[in-house]
Amino acid sequence: MSAELFAYICLAVGLASALVGGVFQSFSDFVMAGLVRAAPSGGIDSMQQINRTVFRSVFLATLLGLVPIMLVMSLLAWQTQDGAAKTMIFTGSAIYIVTVLGVTMFGNVPMNERLDRLPHRDQDAANYWKTYGVVWTRWNHVRTLGSIASAICYLLAAMALS
């Protein structure tokens, strides 16, 4: 693979990671804030519907699809690159896998699954909703920062390869 093509792939991965970070940032900035301000039953029902819809979204395909792409990029960087590009690709991949994939799988998704099992008009759901909004959003901040940091690393790798 040519260095130019490798640079363009790094650019594409960086932009895709930035896009994922932008969606997370939107949730942290105003979507969750709006849902938490709604009556608990309305916020819960809305979040349950969002969580069910995300499974059929381009967003989830992008979020998850970046993981194998980053692993392949890391392997290729290990075999063919030296210096800053190699370091940035490894760093960007590690950050994304831990802060986006890991936090999603072990932080946000378990909370979403618990919320989904609760009837949205139930008092237990309303009590959980108070905690859910705060904790879920904190974890989402981590995903936002991780996506953006990963994007920066991949964009720096693309620049180093140019």
Protein backbone atom coordinates (compact mmCIF):
# COMPACT_ATOMS: atom_id res chain seq x y z
CA MET A 1 0.00 0.00 0.00
CA SER A 2 1.36 3.41 -0.89
CA ALA A 3 2.07 6.00 1.80
CA GLU A 4 -0.40 8.33 0.07
CA LEU A 5 -3.23 5.78 0.24
CA PHE A 6 -2.35 4.98 3.86
CA ALA A 7 -2.53 8.72 4.65
CA TYR A 8 -5.96 9.00 3.01
CA ILE A 9 -7.23 6.02 4.99
CA CYS A 10 -5.92 7.64 8.20
CA LEU A 11 -7.74 10.83 7.20
CA ALA A 12 -10.99 8.90 6.62
CA VAL A 13 -10.68 7.05 9.95
CA GLY A 14 -9.95 10.33 11.74
CA LEU A 15 -12.98 12.01 10.20
CA ALA A 16 -15.23 9.05 11.01
CA SER A 17 -14.02 9.07 14.62
CA ALA A 18 -14.69 12.81 14.77
CA LEU A 19 -18.20 12.18 13.44
CA VAL A 20 -18.83 9.61 16.19
CA GLY A 21 -17.50 12.13 18.71
CA GLY A 22 -19.86 14.77 17.35
CA VAL A 23 -22.88 12.55 17.88
CA PHE A 24 -21.74 11.78 21.41
CA GLN A 25 -21.13 15.48 22.05
CA SER A 26 -24.66 16.31 20.88
CA PHE A 27 -26.08 13.81 23.34
CA SER A 28 -23.97 15.19 26.17
CA ASP A 29 -24.68 18.80 25.28
CA PHE A 30 -28.42 18.95 24.66
CA VAL A 31 -30.17 15.63 23.98
CA MET A 32 -29.72 14.18 27.46
CA ALA A 33 -30.21 17.59 29.06
CA GLY A 34 -33.57 17.87 27.31
CA LEU A 35 -34.62 14.33 28.15
CA VAL A 36 -33.70 14.73 31.82
CA ARG A 37 -35.75 17.95 32.03
CA ALA A 38 -38.83 16.15 30.70
CA ALA A 39 -41.23 14.36 33.01
CA PRO A 40 -39.57 11.05 33.97
CA SER A 41 -42.08 8.93 32.03
CA GLY A 42 -41.57 11.02 28.88
CA GLY A 43 -37.79 11.09 29.17
CA ILE A 44 -37.62 7.37 29.88
CA ASP A 45 -39.93 6.46 27.01
CA SER A 46 -37.97 8.69 24.62
CA MET A 47 -34.61 7.25 25.67
CA GLN A 48 -35.96 3.71 25.40
CA GLN A 49 -37.06 4.46 21.82
CA ILE A 50 -33.69 6.07 20.97
CA ASN A 51 -31.84 3.06 22.36
CA ARG A 52 -33.99 0.66 20.33
CA THR A 53 -33.57 2.70 17.15
CA VAL A 54 -29.78 3.00 17.37
CA PHE A 55 -29.41 -0.70 16.51
CA ARG A 56 -30.53 0.05 12.95
CA SER A 57 -28.46 3.19 12.47
CA VAL A 58 -25.51 4.27 10.36
CA PHE A 59 -24.11 5.73 13.59
CA LEU A 60 -23.78 2.31 15.26
CA ALA A 61 -22.31 0.80 12.08
CA THR A 62 -19.71 3.59 12.07
CA LEU A 63 -18.98 3.32 15.79
CA LEU A 64 -18.47 -0.45 15.64
CA GLY A 65 -16.99 -0.56 12.14
CA LEU A 66 -14.12 1.66 13.17
CA VAL A 67 -12.83 -0.96 15.61
CA PRO A 68 -11.75 -3.62 13.06
CA ILE A 69 -10.52 -0.89 10.71
CA MET A 70 -8.36 0.56 13.49
CA LEU A 71 -7.03 -2.89 14.36
CA VAL A 72 -6.05 -3.47 10.73
CA MET A 73 -4.51 0.01 10.54
CA SER A 74 -2.50 -0.73 13.68
CA LEU A 75 -1.26 -4.00 12.21
CA LEU A 76 -0.30 -2.30 8.95
CA ALA A 77 1.39 0.54 10.84
CA TRP A 78 3.34 -2.01 12.89
CA GLN A 79 4.56 -3.68 9.68
CA THR A 80 5.17 -0.65 7.45
CA GLN A 81 5.51 2.57 9.42
CA ASP A 82 8.02 4.26 11.68
CA GLY A 83 7.97 7.32 13.87
CA ALA A 84 5.06 9.64 14.49
CA ALA A 85 2.53 8.01 12.15
CA LYS A 86 2.97 4.60 13.75
CA THR A 87 2.72 6.08 17.26
CA MET A 88 -0.37 8.13 16.42
CA ILE A 89 -2.16 5.17 14.83
CA PHE A 90 -1.47 2.93 17.84
CA THR A 91 -2.45 5.68 20.27
CA GLY A 92 -5.62 6.61 18.38
CA SER A 93 -6.69 2.98 18.13
CA ALA A 94 -6.04 2.28 21.81
CA ILE A 95 -7.91 5.40 22.92
CA TYR A 96 -10.91 4.57 20.74
CA ILE A 97 -11.11 0.92 21.74
CA VAL A 98 -10.92 1.70 25.47
CA THR A 99 -12.96 4.90 25.70
CA VAL A 100 -15.53 4.33 22.96
CA LEU A 101 -15.98 0.59 22.60
CA GLY A 102 -15.12 -0.30 26.20
CA VAL A 103 -17.19 2.44 27.83
CA THR A 104 -20.09 1.72 25.48
CA MET A 105 -20.05 -2.01 26.23
CA PHE A 106 -19.42 -1.83 29.98
CA GLY A 107 -20.93 1.55 30.88
CA ASN A 108 -23.69 2.91 28.68
CA VAL A 109 -25.16 -0.30 27.23
CA PRO A 110 -25.76 -2.01 30.61
CA MET A 111 -27.49 1.17 31.79
CA ASN A 112 -29.59 1.23 28.61
CA GLU A 113 -30.54 -2.42 29.04
CA ARG A 114 -31.64 -1.83 32.63
CA LEU A 115 -33.66 1.22 31.58
CA ASP A 116 -35.29 -0.77 28.78
CA ARG A 117 -36.58 -3.40 31.22
CA LEU A 118 -38.39 -0.79 33.34
CA PRO A 119 -41.96 0.31 32.55
CA HIS A 120 -41.55 4.02 31.77
CA ARG A 121 -44.42 5.05 34.07
CA ASP A 122 -43.16 3.01 37.06
CA GLN A 123 -41.83 4.73 40.21
CA ASP A 124 -38.71 2.53 40.20
CA ALA A 125 -38.05 3.75 36.66
CA ALA A 126 -38.49 7.37 37.75
CA ASN A 127 -36.03 6.84 40.60
CA TYR A 128 -33.51 5.14 38.30
CA TRP A 129 -33.96 7.91 35.71
CA LYS A 130 -32.50 10.51 38.11
CA THR A 131 -29.28 8.50 38.43
CA TYR A 132 -29.31 7.30 34.83
CA GLY A 133 -29.26 10.80 33.34
CA VAL A 134 -26.26 11.91 35.39
CA VAL A 135 -24.16 8.73 35.20
CA TRP A 136 -24.97 7.93 31.56
CA THR A 137 -24.00 11.45 30.52
CA ARG A 138 -20.71 11.27 32.45
CA TRP A 139 -19.80 8.07 30.63
CA ASN A 140 -20.88 9.71 27.39
CA HIS A 141 -18.44 12.58 28.06
CA VAL A 142 -15.67 9.97 28.20
CA ARG A 143 -16.80 8.56 24.85
CA THR A 144 -16.94 12.06 23.37
CA LEU A 145 -13.42 12.93 24.48
CA GLY A 146 -12.10 9.53 23.43
CA SER A 147 -13.57 9.80 19.94
CA ILE A 148 -12.17 13.27 19.47
CA ALA A 149 -8.73 12.31 20.83
CA SER A 150 -8.67 9.30 18.52
CA ALA A 151 -9.66 11.51 15.59
CA ILE A 152 -6.82 13.90 16.38
CA CYS A 153 -4.33 11.03 16.51
CA TYR A 154 -5.44 9.67 13.14
CA LEU A 155 -5.42 13.13 11.56
CA LEU A 156 -1.90 13.71 12.91
CA ALA A 157 -0.88 10.33 11.47
CA ALA A 158 -2.27 11.39 8.09
CA MET A 159 -0.26 14.61 8.28
CA ALA A 160 2.89 12.70 9.24
CA LEU A 161 2.43 10.44 6.21
CA SER A 162 1.89 13.33 3.79
